[in-house]
Amino acid sequence: MNVSDPAFPIRQAADRFAPYVPRLQAVFSAMDLAYVEVAGTYRFRCSGCEDNCCRTRFHHHTYLEFFYLHHGWEKLEKQRREILMSRADDVCRAMDALAPGRDTHRRMCPLNVDGLCELYEHRPMICRLHGIPHVLQRPDGRKTTGSGCDAFHRHYGDRSDAVLERTPHYGALAALEQEFRRTVGLADKLKMTVAEMIVRFTFLCITH
């Protein structure tokens, strides 16, 4: 069972999400502070670019991110939600039209309007951590590294004297997600883009 299934107890899960909001905000605040510290070392500041990360087809994997995005969504005016819902639907349709195995279609995230995120404070984890050199120690013992986005490379080349350690932030979110799933009774994994999340908001009738 997942959030695309009408049988998913979305109302029950949404009702039980509220106590997790401040705890999730604390996790995200720690991410933001760590990002600012490393980015500040380079004096790097994201101001948008042609290879915008909002055009990258990121998938998000926690119900906490899904419900937190919806938490911000509910604060938008109805007319604004309708516009963004239409944009999200267009992006999903474009993705669905791609031939199997193709993942190169660069569509802007529906929440990016004139270079600004409509739900910036509620954005998922990868939107907070992307763009600068990083390292992640995986649960299986392997270590993965990243050298920063194209905009970073244009300004700083292959510099990596300061690196964002993603491991504790991934771990904190994963631990909170596991607790939330146990509390609500969710077993299946989640894998959705922001556009897919937004479309589910209407499909499951959880918008007002």
Protein backbone atom coordinates (compact mmCIF):
# COMPACT_ATOMS: atom_id res chain seq x y z
CA MET A 1 0.00 0.00 0.00
CA ASN A 2 1.28 3.49 -0.79
CA VAL A 3 0.03 7.05 -1.14
CA SER A 4 -1.21 6.46 -4.69
CA ASP A 5 -3.57 3.80 -3.38
CA PRO A 6 -7.04 5.11 -2.45
CA ALA A 7 -7.02 2.70 0.49
CA PHE A 8 -4.04 4.47 2.06
CA PRO A 9 -5.19 5.86 5.45
CA ILE A 10 -4.06 9.36 4.52
CA ARG A 11 -6.37 11.22 6.86
CA GLN A 12 -5.32 9.14 9.84
CA ALA A 13 -1.64 9.55 8.99
CA ALA A 14 -2.03 13.30 8.37
CA ASP A 15 -3.83 13.74 11.69
CA ARG A 16 -1.00 11.99 13.52
CA PHE A 17 1.73 13.96 11.73
CA ALA A 18 1.30 17.19 13.73
CA PRO A 19 3.47 16.15 16.73
CA TYR A 20 6.32 15.44 14.31
CA VAL A 21 6.35 18.92 12.77
CA PRO A 22 8.64 20.61 15.33
CA ARG A 23 10.94 17.58 15.44
CA LEU A 24 11.23 17.50 11.66
CA GLN A 25 11.82 21.25 11.61
CA ALA A 26 14.70 20.72 14.01
CA VAL A 27 16.23 18.12 11.68
CA PHE A 28 15.85 20.43 8.70
CA SER A 29 17.27 23.39 10.66
CA ALA A 30 20.40 21.37 11.40
CA MET A 31 20.72 20.60 7.68
CA ASP A 32 20.32 24.25 6.76
CA LEU A 33 22.94 25.37 9.28
CA ALA A 34 25.43 22.75 8.07
CA TYR A 35 24.85 23.77 4.46
CA VAL A 36 25.32 27.47 5.22
CA GLU A 37 28.55 26.76 7.09
CA VAL A 38 30.13 24.81 4.22
CA ALA A 39 28.77 27.08 1.48
CA GLY A 40 30.06 30.08 3.43
CA THR A 41 33.57 28.66 3.32
CA TYR A 42 33.46 29.09 -0.45
CA ARG A 43 31.26 32.20 -0.33
CA PHE A 44 28.96 30.21 -2.59
CA ARG A 45 25.39 31.38 -2.89
CA CYS A 46 22.81 29.72 -5.13
CA SER A 47 21.05 32.31 -7.26
CA GLY A 48 19.58 30.05 -9.92
CA CYS A 49 21.18 28.94 -13.18
CA GLU A 50 20.36 27.24 -16.47
CA ASP A 51 21.24 23.85 -14.98
CA ASN A 52 18.85 24.59 -12.13
CA CYS A 53 18.59 21.80 -9.53
CA CYS A 54 14.84 22.43 -9.68
CA ARG A 55 15.02 20.87 -13.14
CA THR A 56 16.57 17.71 -11.74
CA ARG A 57 14.23 14.76 -11.33
CA PHE A 58 14.86 14.16 -7.65
CA HIS A 59 12.87 11.42 -5.94
CA HIS A 60 12.02 11.76 -2.27
CA HIS A 61 11.65 8.76 0.00
CA THR A 62 10.02 9.69 3.29
CA TYR A 63 6.42 10.15 4.32
CA LEU A 64 7.62 12.92 6.60
CA GLU A 65 8.69 14.96 3.57
CA PHE A 66 5.37 14.22 1.89
CA PHE A 67 3.30 15.37 4.85
CA TYR A 68 5.54 18.35 5.57
CA LEU A 69 5.19 19.59 2.01
CA HIS A 70 1.44 19.20 2.43
CA HIS A 71 1.68 21.07 5.73
CA GLY A 72 2.96 24.08 3.79
CA TRP A 73 0.58 23.46 0.89
CA GLU A 74 -2.44 23.91 3.12
CA LYS A 75 -1.28 27.42 4.02
CA LEU A 76 -1.48 28.58 0.39
CA GLU A 77 -4.57 30.34 -0.91
CA LYS A 78 -6.94 28.13 -2.90
CA GLN A 79 -6.33 29.98 -6.17
CA ARG A 80 -2.56 29.59 -5.75
CA ARG A 81 -2.94 25.87 -5.09
CA GLU A 82 -5.00 25.45 -8.23
CA ILE A 83 -2.31 27.10 -10.35
CA LEU A 84 0.46 25.00 -8.82
CA MET A 85 -1.64 21.84 -9.10
CA SER A 86 -2.03 22.47 -12.82
CA ARG A 87 1.72 22.94 -13.17
CA ALA A 88 2.38 19.72 -11.24
CA ASP A 89 -0.07 17.80 -13.39
CA ASP A 90 1.68 19.08 -16.55
CA VAL A 91 5.06 17.93 -15.24
CA CYS A 92 3.74 14.47 -14.32
CA ARG A 93 2.12 14.05 -17.71
CA ALA A 94 5.37 14.96 -19.43
CA MET A 95 7.26 12.45 -17.31
CA ASP A 96 4.70 9.72 -17.99
CA ALA A 97 5.04 10.33 -21.73
CA LEU A 98 8.76 9.52 -21.71
CA ALA A 99 9.89 6.25 -23.24
CA PRO A 100 10.87 3.60 -20.64
CA GLY A 101 14.41 4.08 -19.41
CA ARG A 102 14.62 7.74 -20.39
CA ASP A 103 15.09 10.18 -17.55
CA THR A 104 16.60 13.19 -19.29
CA HIS A 105 13.52 15.40 -19.61
CA ARG A 106 14.41 18.63 -17.81
CA ARG A 107 11.12 20.06 -16.58
CA MET A 108 11.10 22.75 -13.93
CA CYS A 109 9.69 21.80 -10.53
CA PRO A 110 6.11 23.11 -10.38
CA LEU A 111 6.91 24.97 -7.16
CA ASN A 112 9.62 27.06 -8.82
CA VAL A 113 7.91 30.27 -9.94
CA ASP A 114 10.14 33.01 -11.36
CA GLY A 115 13.16 31.44 -9.71
CA LEU A 116 11.66 31.18 -6.24
CA CYS A 117 10.22 28.14 -4.46
CA GLU A 118 6.61 28.60 -3.44
CA LEU A 119 7.11 26.25 -0.46
CA TYR A 120 10.75 26.99 0.31
CA GLU A 121 10.42 26.53 4.07
CA HIS A 122 8.81 23.12 3.50
CA ARG A 123 11.14 21.84 0.78
CA PRO A 124 12.45 18.24 1.03
CA MET A 125 15.88 17.22 2.26
CA ILE A 126 17.75 16.98 -1.04
CA CYS A 127 16.59 20.48 -1.98
CA ARG A 128 18.39 21.68 1.17
CA LEU A 129 21.65 19.78 0.69
CA HIS A 130 22.27 19.83 -3.06
CA GLY A 131 24.92 21.96 -4.74
CA ILE A 132 28.12 21.81 -2.69
CA PRO A 133 30.79 19.12 -2.17
CA HIS A 134 29.53 16.41 0.14
CA VAL A 135 30.19 12.97 1.54
CA LEU A 136 27.78 10.29 2.73
CA GLN A 137 28.59 7.12 4.66
CA ARG A 138 26.02 4.56 3.56
CA PRO A 139 24.54 1.93 5.92
CA ASP A 140 26.25 -0.79 3.86
CA GLY A 141 29.64 0.72 4.66
CA ARG A 142 30.23 2.32 1.28
CA LYS A 143 31.06 6.00 1.04
CA THR A 144 29.65 8.22 -1.68
CA THR A 145 30.93 11.67 -2.54
CA GLY A 146 29.73 14.55 -4.68
CA SER A 147 31.68 17.50 -6.03
CA GLY A 148 28.96 20.13 -6.25
CA CYS A 149 26.57 21.38 -8.92
CA ASP A 150 27.54 22.94 -12.26
CA ALA A 151 27.20 26.46 -10.86
CA PHE A 152 29.63 25.55 -8.08
CA HIS A 153 32.12 24.14 -10.59
CA ARG A 154 31.97 27.25 -12.75
CA HIS A 155 33.04 29.36 -9.78
CA TYR A 156 35.32 27.03 -7.81
CA GLY A 157 36.38 24.24 -10.15
CA ASP A 158 37.26 21.00 -8.33
CA ARG A 159 37.78 22.56 -4.91
CA SER A 160 36.70 20.36 -2.03
CA ASP A 161 38.54 21.80 0.95
CA ALA A 162 35.21 22.07 2.76
CA VAL A 163 32.76 19.18 2.49
CA LEU A 164 29.20 18.82 3.74
CA GLU A 165 28.91 15.66 5.82
CA ARG A 166 25.44 14.42 4.95
CA THR A 167 25.56 11.25 7.05
CA PRO A 168 24.20 12.60 10.36
CA HIS A 169 21.39 14.45 8.59
CA TYR A 170 20.31 11.43 6.58
CA GLY A 171 20.49 9.39 9.77
CA ALA A 172 18.38 11.83 11.77
CA LEU A 173 15.68 11.96 9.10
CA ALA A 174 15.72 8.17 8.67
CA ALA A 175 15.34 7.58 12.42
CA LEU A 176 12.41 9.98 12.67
CA GLU A 177 10.81 8.46 9.58
CA GLN A 178 11.04 4.96 11.06
CA GLU A 179 9.38 6.14 14.25
CA PHE A 180 6.61 7.86 12.31
CA ARG A 181 5.95 4.80 10.16
CA ARG A 182 5.71 2.57 13.22
CA THR A 183 3.34 5.01 14.92
CA VAL A 184 1.04 5.37 11.91
CA GLY A 185 1.40 1.80 10.63
CA LEU A 186 3.06 2.43 7.27
CA ALA A 187 5.16 -0.37 5.82
CA ASP A 188 5.66 0.38 2.13
CA LYS A 189 8.42 2.55 0.77
CA LEU A 190 7.79 5.89 -0.86
CA LYS A 191 9.42 7.24 -4.02
CA MET A 192 7.95 10.42 -5.52
CA THR A 193 9.00 13.68 -7.09
CA VAL A 194 7.61 16.95 -5.74
CA ALA A 195 5.24 17.10 -8.72
CA GLU A 196 3.93 13.61 -7.93
CA MET A 197 3.45 14.55 -4.28
CA ILE A 198 1.38 17.58 -5.22
CA VAL A 199 -0.81 15.59 -7.60
CA ARG A 200 -1.47 13.08 -4.80
CA PHE A 201 -2.79 15.89 -2.61
CA THR A 202 -5.84 16.23 -4.83
CA PHE A 203 -6.10 12.55 -5.79
CA LEU A 204 -6.49 11.66 -2.14
CA CYS A 205 -8.73 14.63 -1.37
CA ILE A 206 -6.54 16.05 1.35
CA THR A 207 -6.62 19.65 0.14
CA HIS A 208 -9.28 22.04 1.36
